[in-house]
Amino acid sequence: MNRQSLRLFAPLFIASMAFSAFAQEKNAALLVDGKPAVVFQIPSFAKVTSSNAYVNIHTSNLSLHVWAVPTVKSVGEAVPLAGHLIKSEFVKFKPNTITDLVVAGAPAKHIKGSGNEADDGDPGNAEVVLFVVGDKVFAACIHGEFNDAARAHDPMLAVLQTAHAP
């Protein structure tokens, strides 16, 4: 293929790949009192389980839990509550690091720490991201034994970066 053909073919190839990736995604909404509060773009093959103010997005390399946090008005107010917010999945959470990041165009907090899995008490690690969409605060969590949480870090952030108001 000569350079001229390559210059013409490359943009078409990139556009078709972008369209293909878009076609392979779907939306998952977290509902609060029956109304969408935040929407995520997720892979089309992801399994979604939800109840009021909670959604779990599950793939082969990710089990992302997201809760609405109705008792606070800001990410800063939610930071000391991180362990309480994730207690259905992870207990005895001890934060090791707290860093700043941006989710949905707003400041967020990323908290990493250790503790125990709620289902079997096994020691492990968890990552919690506290973020705001619209006027609501949300807590997202991945966790697991050994370095399971670290392996799910990038897929979690990829999903969270798609968060938007309905």
Protein backbone atom coordinates (compact mmCIF):
# COMPACT_ATOMS: atom_id res chain seq x y z
CA MET A 1 0.00 0.00 0.00
CA ASN A 2 1.48 3.36 -0.95
CA ARG A 3 1.51 6.39 1.32
CA GLN A 4 -1.36 8.11 -0.47
CA SER A 5 -3.62 5.08 -0.04
CA LEU A 6 -2.57 4.74 3.57
CA ARG A 7 -3.45 8.39 4.24
CA LEU A 8 -6.92 7.82 2.82
CA PHE A 9 -7.44 4.45 4.50
CA ALA A 10 -6.24 5.37 8.01
CA PRO A 11 -9.02 7.87 8.86
CA LEU A 12 -11.68 5.47 7.54
CA PHE A 13 -10.24 2.65 9.61
CA ILE A 14 -10.13 4.78 12.77
CA ALA A 15 -13.70 5.98 12.26
CA SER A 16 -14.96 2.43 11.70
CA MET A 17 -13.21 1.21 14.85
CA ALA A 18 -14.71 4.05 16.89
CA PHE A 19 -18.16 3.25 15.56
CA SER A 20 -17.64 -0.44 16.29
CA ALA A 21 -16.60 0.29 19.89
CA PHE A 22 -19.61 2.56 20.34
CA ALA A 23 -21.95 -0.13 19.03
CA GLN A 24 -20.58 -2.57 21.60
CA GLU A 25 -21.58 -0.46 24.60
CA LYS A 26 -24.81 0.03 26.51
CA ASN A 27 -25.96 2.30 29.30
CA ALA A 28 -26.41 1.34 32.94
CA ALA A 29 -28.32 3.70 35.19
CA LEU A 30 -28.33 3.92 38.96
CA LEU A 31 -31.91 4.68 40.01
CA VAL A 32 -32.94 6.63 43.09
CA ASP A 33 -36.64 6.37 43.89
CA GLY A 34 -37.29 5.02 40.40
CA LYS A 35 -35.53 7.85 38.57
CA PRO A 36 -32.09 7.69 36.92
CA ALA A 37 -29.53 9.58 39.04
CA VAL A 38 -26.36 8.71 37.10
CA VAL A 39 -25.71 6.84 33.87
CA PHE A 40 -22.59 4.89 32.86
CA GLN A 41 -21.52 3.50 29.50
CA ILE A 42 -20.54 -0.13 29.93
CA PRO A 43 -19.59 -3.02 27.66
CA SER A 44 -22.61 -4.65 26.03
CA PHE A 45 -21.73 -8.00 27.63
CA ALA A 46 -21.66 -6.61 31.21
CA LYS A 47 -24.21 -7.93 33.68
CA VAL A 48 -26.06 -5.28 35.65
CA THR A 49 -27.77 -5.83 38.99
CA SER A 50 -29.57 -2.94 40.62
CA SER A 51 -31.88 -1.91 43.39
CA ASN A 52 -32.87 1.49 44.73
CA ALA A 53 -29.75 3.69 44.98
CA TYR A 54 -27.38 0.84 44.02
CA VAL A 55 -25.97 -0.75 40.88
CA ASN A 56 -23.41 -3.51 40.33
CA ILE A 57 -21.65 -3.71 36.98
CA HIS A 58 -20.00 -7.08 36.46
CA THR A 59 -17.66 -8.31 33.72
CA SER A 60 -14.90 -10.90 33.65
CA ASN A 61 -12.40 -8.37 35.04
CA LEU A 62 -14.63 -6.05 37.06
CA SER A 63 -17.26 -6.10 39.79
CA LEU A 64 -18.03 -2.43 40.35
CA HIS A 65 -20.45 -1.49 43.12
CA VAL A 66 -21.94 2.03 43.07
CA TRP A 67 -24.21 3.54 45.71
CA ALA A 68 -25.96 6.90 45.94
CA VAL A 69 -25.02 8.64 49.19
CA PRO A 70 -28.09 10.66 50.19
CA THR A 71 -26.81 11.74 53.61
CA VAL A 72 -24.08 14.08 52.32
CA LYS A 73 -23.87 17.04 49.98
CA SER A 74 -20.17 16.87 48.99
CA VAL A 75 -17.33 14.46 48.33
CA GLY A 76 -15.47 15.93 51.31
CA GLU A 77 -18.33 15.02 53.65
CA ALA A 78 -18.33 11.46 52.28
CA VAL A 79 -14.61 10.73 52.79
CA PRO A 80 -14.84 9.84 56.51
CA LEU A 81 -17.87 7.63 55.73
CA ALA A 82 -16.10 5.50 53.08
CA GLY A 83 -15.83 2.39 55.27
CA HIS A 84 -19.48 2.63 56.28
CA LEU A 85 -20.64 3.19 52.70
CA ILE A 86 -19.05 -0.04 51.43
CA LYS A 87 -19.80 -2.27 54.44
CA SER A 88 -22.16 -4.55 52.49
CA GLU A 89 -19.16 -5.59 50.37
CA PHE A 90 -16.07 -4.83 52.43
CA VAL A 91 -15.62 -4.43 56.20
CA LYS A 92 -12.95 -3.06 58.55
CA PHE A 93 -11.82 -0.72 55.78
CA LYS A 94 -8.63 1.14 56.72
CA PRO A 95 -7.70 3.83 54.19
CA ASN A 96 -4.04 3.89 53.19
CA THR A 97 -4.08 6.62 50.53
CA ILE A 98 -6.47 9.32 49.41
CA THR A 99 -5.86 11.03 46.09
CA ASP A 100 -7.71 13.56 44.00
CA LEU A 101 -9.16 12.81 40.59
CA VAL A 102 -11.92 14.08 38.33
CA VAL A 103 -15.10 12.13 37.55
CA ALA A 104 -17.91 13.55 35.41
CA GLY A 105 -16.02 16.84 35.23
CA ALA A 106 -16.07 17.37 39.00
CA PRO A 107 -13.50 16.83 41.77
CA ALA A 108 -13.56 13.32 43.25
CA LYS A 109 -11.60 11.34 45.84
CA HIS A 110 -9.94 7.97 45.28
CA ILE A 111 -9.35 6.03 48.50
CA LYS A 112 -7.30 2.82 48.65
CA GLY A 113 -7.17 0.67 51.73
CA SER A 114 -7.20 -2.74 53.34
CA GLY A 115 -9.76 -4.71 55.31
CA ASN A 116 -11.89 -7.81 54.86
CA GLU A 117 -14.40 -9.05 52.34
CA ALA A 118 -17.89 -8.96 53.83
CA ASP A 119 -19.00 -12.31 52.42
CA ASP A 120 -16.26 -14.52 53.85
CA GLY A 121 -14.03 -12.29 56.02
CA ASP A 122 -10.96 -12.93 53.88
CA PRO A 123 -8.34 -10.17 54.08
CA GLY A 124 -8.08 -7.98 51.03
CA ASN A 125 -7.90 -4.54 49.54
CA ALA A 126 -10.51 -2.10 48.29
CA GLU A 127 -10.64 1.06 46.25
CA VAL A 128 -13.40 3.60 46.77
CA VAL A 129 -14.12 6.54 44.49
CA LEU A 130 -16.39 9.27 45.82
CA PHE A 131 -17.82 11.52 43.12
CA VAL A 132 -20.66 13.91 42.29
CA VAL A 133 -23.05 13.95 39.36
CA GLY A 134 -25.64 16.71 39.38
CA ASP A 135 -26.55 17.33 43.00
CA LYS A 136 -25.93 13.77 44.21
CA VAL A 137 -22.85 12.12 45.75
CA PHE A 138 -21.95 8.55 44.81
CA ALA A 139 -19.55 5.95 46.17
CA ALA A 140 -18.00 3.39 43.83
CA CYS A 141 -16.09 0.36 45.11
CA ILE A 142 -13.97 -2.49 43.82
CA HIS A 143 -12.42 -5.01 46.19
CA GLY A 144 -10.85 -8.42 46.44
CA GLU A 145 -8.21 -10.62 47.96
CA PHE A 146 -4.52 -10.10 47.21
CA ASN A 147 -4.27 -7.65 44.29
CA ASP A 148 -7.75 -8.27 42.81
CA ALA A 149 -8.73 -4.63 43.42
CA ALA A 150 -5.59 -3.39 41.66
CA ARG A 151 -6.40 -5.52 38.59
CA ALA A 152 -9.87 -3.95 38.41
CA HIS A 153 -8.54 -0.40 38.87
CA ASP A 154 -8.29 0.57 35.18
CA PRO A 155 -11.64 -0.98 34.16
CA MET A 156 -13.31 0.80 37.12
CA LEU A 157 -11.90 4.18 36.12
CA ALA A 158 -12.90 3.58 32.50
CA VAL A 159 -16.53 3.07 33.55
CA LEU A 160 -16.50 5.97 36.03
CA GLN A 161 -15.11 8.35 33.40
CA THR A 162 -18.33 7.79 31.41
CA ALA A 163 -20.55 8.89 34.32
CA HIS A 164 -23.04 11.55 33.37
CA ALA A 165 -26.39 12.97 34.38
CA PRO A 166 -29.40 11.29 32.77
